[in-house]
Amino acid sequence: MVPARRVRRGGELPEEGARRELLEEGGVRIDGELEIVGCYPMYVYGYDMLQISYRGRVADGDVTISHEHDGAQWVKASDMRTLLTDDVITDMAGGNDDVARLLGHIRTDLDRYLARVESA
């Protein structure tokens, strides 16, 4: 699942931005189409943004996480979903309703993604 979070570059469509971000941040190329999993507004870095989550097939090649993400790691979507319980979301949000809502949306996107993968 691909979150497309950055403000788009001039004339860039959201799907193009997701492909670019995957390549820049992880060396990941998508083979074929991206499918929208979920879409919702969020407020981050002092701006209103739109979170769009995609799913797609990763093309062959090595994945390399950029230097900007030294603590990042790859996890299975099902493992991430198992982690996002109500208690974990509450703890991570630390009383911030916007963060709790964002994490809830991410959990919903994971549910949608996993349902589509299981039915495929």
Protein backbone atom coordinates (compact mmCIF):
# COMPACT_ATOMS: atom_id res chain seq x y z
CA MET A 1 0.00 0.00 0.00
CA VAL A 2 1.39 3.40 -0.99
CA PRO A 3 0.58 6.58 0.85
CA ALA A 4 0.96 9.62 -1.40
CA ARG A 5 1.54 12.41 1.06
CA ARG A 6 3.61 15.13 -0.49
CA VAL A 7 2.26 18.18 -2.20
CA ARG A 8 2.23 17.46 -5.88
CA ARG A 9 4.69 19.08 -8.23
CA GLY A 10 3.34 21.40 -10.91
CA GLY A 11 1.00 19.48 -13.19
CA GLU A 12 1.77 16.14 -11.54
CA LEU A 13 -1.20 13.84 -11.05
CA PRO A 14 -1.53 12.09 -7.65
CA GLU A 15 -0.70 8.66 -9.12
CA GLU A 16 2.41 10.10 -10.78
CA GLY A 17 3.42 11.61 -7.43
CA ALA A 18 2.97 8.25 -5.70
CA ARG A 19 5.16 6.54 -8.30
CA ARG A 20 7.80 9.27 -8.01
CA GLU A 21 7.83 9.14 -4.20
CA LEU A 22 8.15 5.36 -4.18
CA LEU A 23 11.11 5.56 -6.52
CA GLU A 24 12.79 8.46 -4.68
CA GLU A 25 12.21 7.17 -1.15
CA GLY A 26 12.55 3.43 -1.65
CA GLY A 27 13.85 2.63 -5.10
CA VAL A 28 10.49 0.94 -5.77
CA ARG A 29 8.95 0.80 -9.24
CA ILE A 30 5.33 -0.21 -9.76
CA ASP A 31 4.52 -2.65 -12.54
CA GLY A 32 1.19 -1.68 -14.10
CA GLU A 33 -1.67 0.27 -12.62
CA LEU A 34 -2.09 1.72 -9.14
CA GLU A 35 -5.50 1.25 -7.53
CA ILE A 36 -6.86 3.73 -4.98
CA VAL A 37 -7.46 2.07 -1.61
CA GLY A 38 -8.59 5.14 0.36
CA CYS A 39 -8.64 8.91 0.32
CA TYR A 40 -9.23 11.42 3.13
CA PRO A 41 -8.22 14.91 4.26
CA MET A 42 -5.53 15.43 6.88
CA TYR A 43 -3.65 18.33 8.43
CA VAL A 44 0.14 17.88 8.62
CA TYR A 45 3.20 20.13 8.57
CA GLY A 46 0.88 23.13 8.96
CA TYR A 47 -1.07 22.40 5.77
CA ASP A 48 -4.33 20.81 4.75
CA MET A 49 -3.49 17.83 2.58
CA LEU A 50 -5.17 14.87 1.00
CA GLN A 51 -3.97 11.38 1.90
CA ILE A 52 -4.38 8.96 -0.98
CA SER A 53 -3.42 5.32 -0.45
CA TYR A 54 -2.78 3.08 -3.44
CA ARG A 55 -2.03 -0.57 -4.02
CA GLY A 56 0.05 -1.89 -6.88
CA ARG A 57 2.42 -4.65 -7.91
CA VAL A 58 6.07 -3.96 -7.19
CA ALA A 59 8.32 -4.54 -10.21
CA ASP A 60 11.42 -6.68 -9.85
CA GLY A 61 14.44 -4.98 -8.33
CA ASP A 62 16.04 -4.11 -5.04
CA VAL A 63 14.28 -1.92 -2.51
CA THR A 64 16.51 0.66 -0.87
CA ILE A 65 15.12 3.01 1.77
CA SER A 66 16.52 6.54 1.44
CA HIS A 67 18.75 8.21 4.02
CA GLU A 68 15.71 10.27 5.12
CA HIS A 69 14.20 7.14 6.71
CA ASP A 70 16.92 5.53 8.76
CA GLY A 71 14.41 3.93 11.15
CA ALA A 72 12.07 2.65 8.44
CA GLN A 73 11.50 -1.01 7.77
CA TRP A 74 9.29 -3.13 5.55
CA VAL A 75 6.44 -4.95 7.25
CA LYS A 76 3.54 -7.03 6.02
CA ALA A 77 0.28 -5.12 5.79
CA SER A 78 -1.43 -7.77 7.94
CA ASP A 79 1.20 -7.33 10.68
CA MET A 80 0.80 -3.54 10.61
CA ARG A 81 -2.98 -3.91 10.81
CA THR A 82 -2.70 -6.25 13.79
CA LEU A 83 -0.58 -3.64 15.54
CA LEU A 84 -3.09 -0.79 15.05
CA THR A 85 -5.48 -1.62 17.89
CA ASP A 86 -7.60 1.06 19.56
CA ASP A 87 -5.19 1.09 22.51
CA VAL A 88 -2.12 1.55 20.30
CA ILE A 89 -3.80 4.35 18.35
CA THR A 90 -4.76 6.08 21.60
CA ASP A 91 -1.19 5.77 22.91
CA MET A 92 0.37 6.96 19.66
CA ALA A 93 -2.01 9.93 19.40
CA GLY A 94 -1.15 11.12 22.91
CA GLY A 95 -4.47 12.95 23.24
CA ASN A 96 -4.26 14.63 19.82
CA ASP A 97 -7.59 13.99 18.08
CA ASP A 98 -6.17 14.82 14.64
CA VAL A 99 -3.46 12.17 15.02
CA ALA A 100 -5.98 9.62 16.32
CA ARG A 101 -8.24 10.31 13.34
CA LEU A 102 -5.31 9.98 10.90
CA LEU A 103 -4.24 6.66 12.43
CA GLY A 104 -7.85 5.46 12.27
CA HIS A 105 -7.94 6.29 8.55
CA ILE A 106 -4.68 4.41 8.00
CA ARG A 107 -6.19 1.41 9.78
CA THR A 108 -9.28 1.62 7.55
CA ASP A 109 -7.04 1.75 4.45
CA LEU A 110 -5.23 -1.37 5.68
CA ASP A 111 -8.58 -3.12 6.16
CA ARG A 112 -9.63 -2.19 2.60
CA TYR A 113 -6.30 -3.28 1.17
CA LEU A 114 -6.30 -6.61 2.98
CA ALA A 115 -9.90 -7.30 1.91
CA ARG A 116 -8.96 -6.66 -1.75
CA VAL A 117 -5.85 -8.83 -1.55
CA GLU A 118 -7.76 -11.70 0.07
CA SER A 119 -10.52 -11.57 -2.55
CA ALA A 120 -8.08 -11.45 -5.48
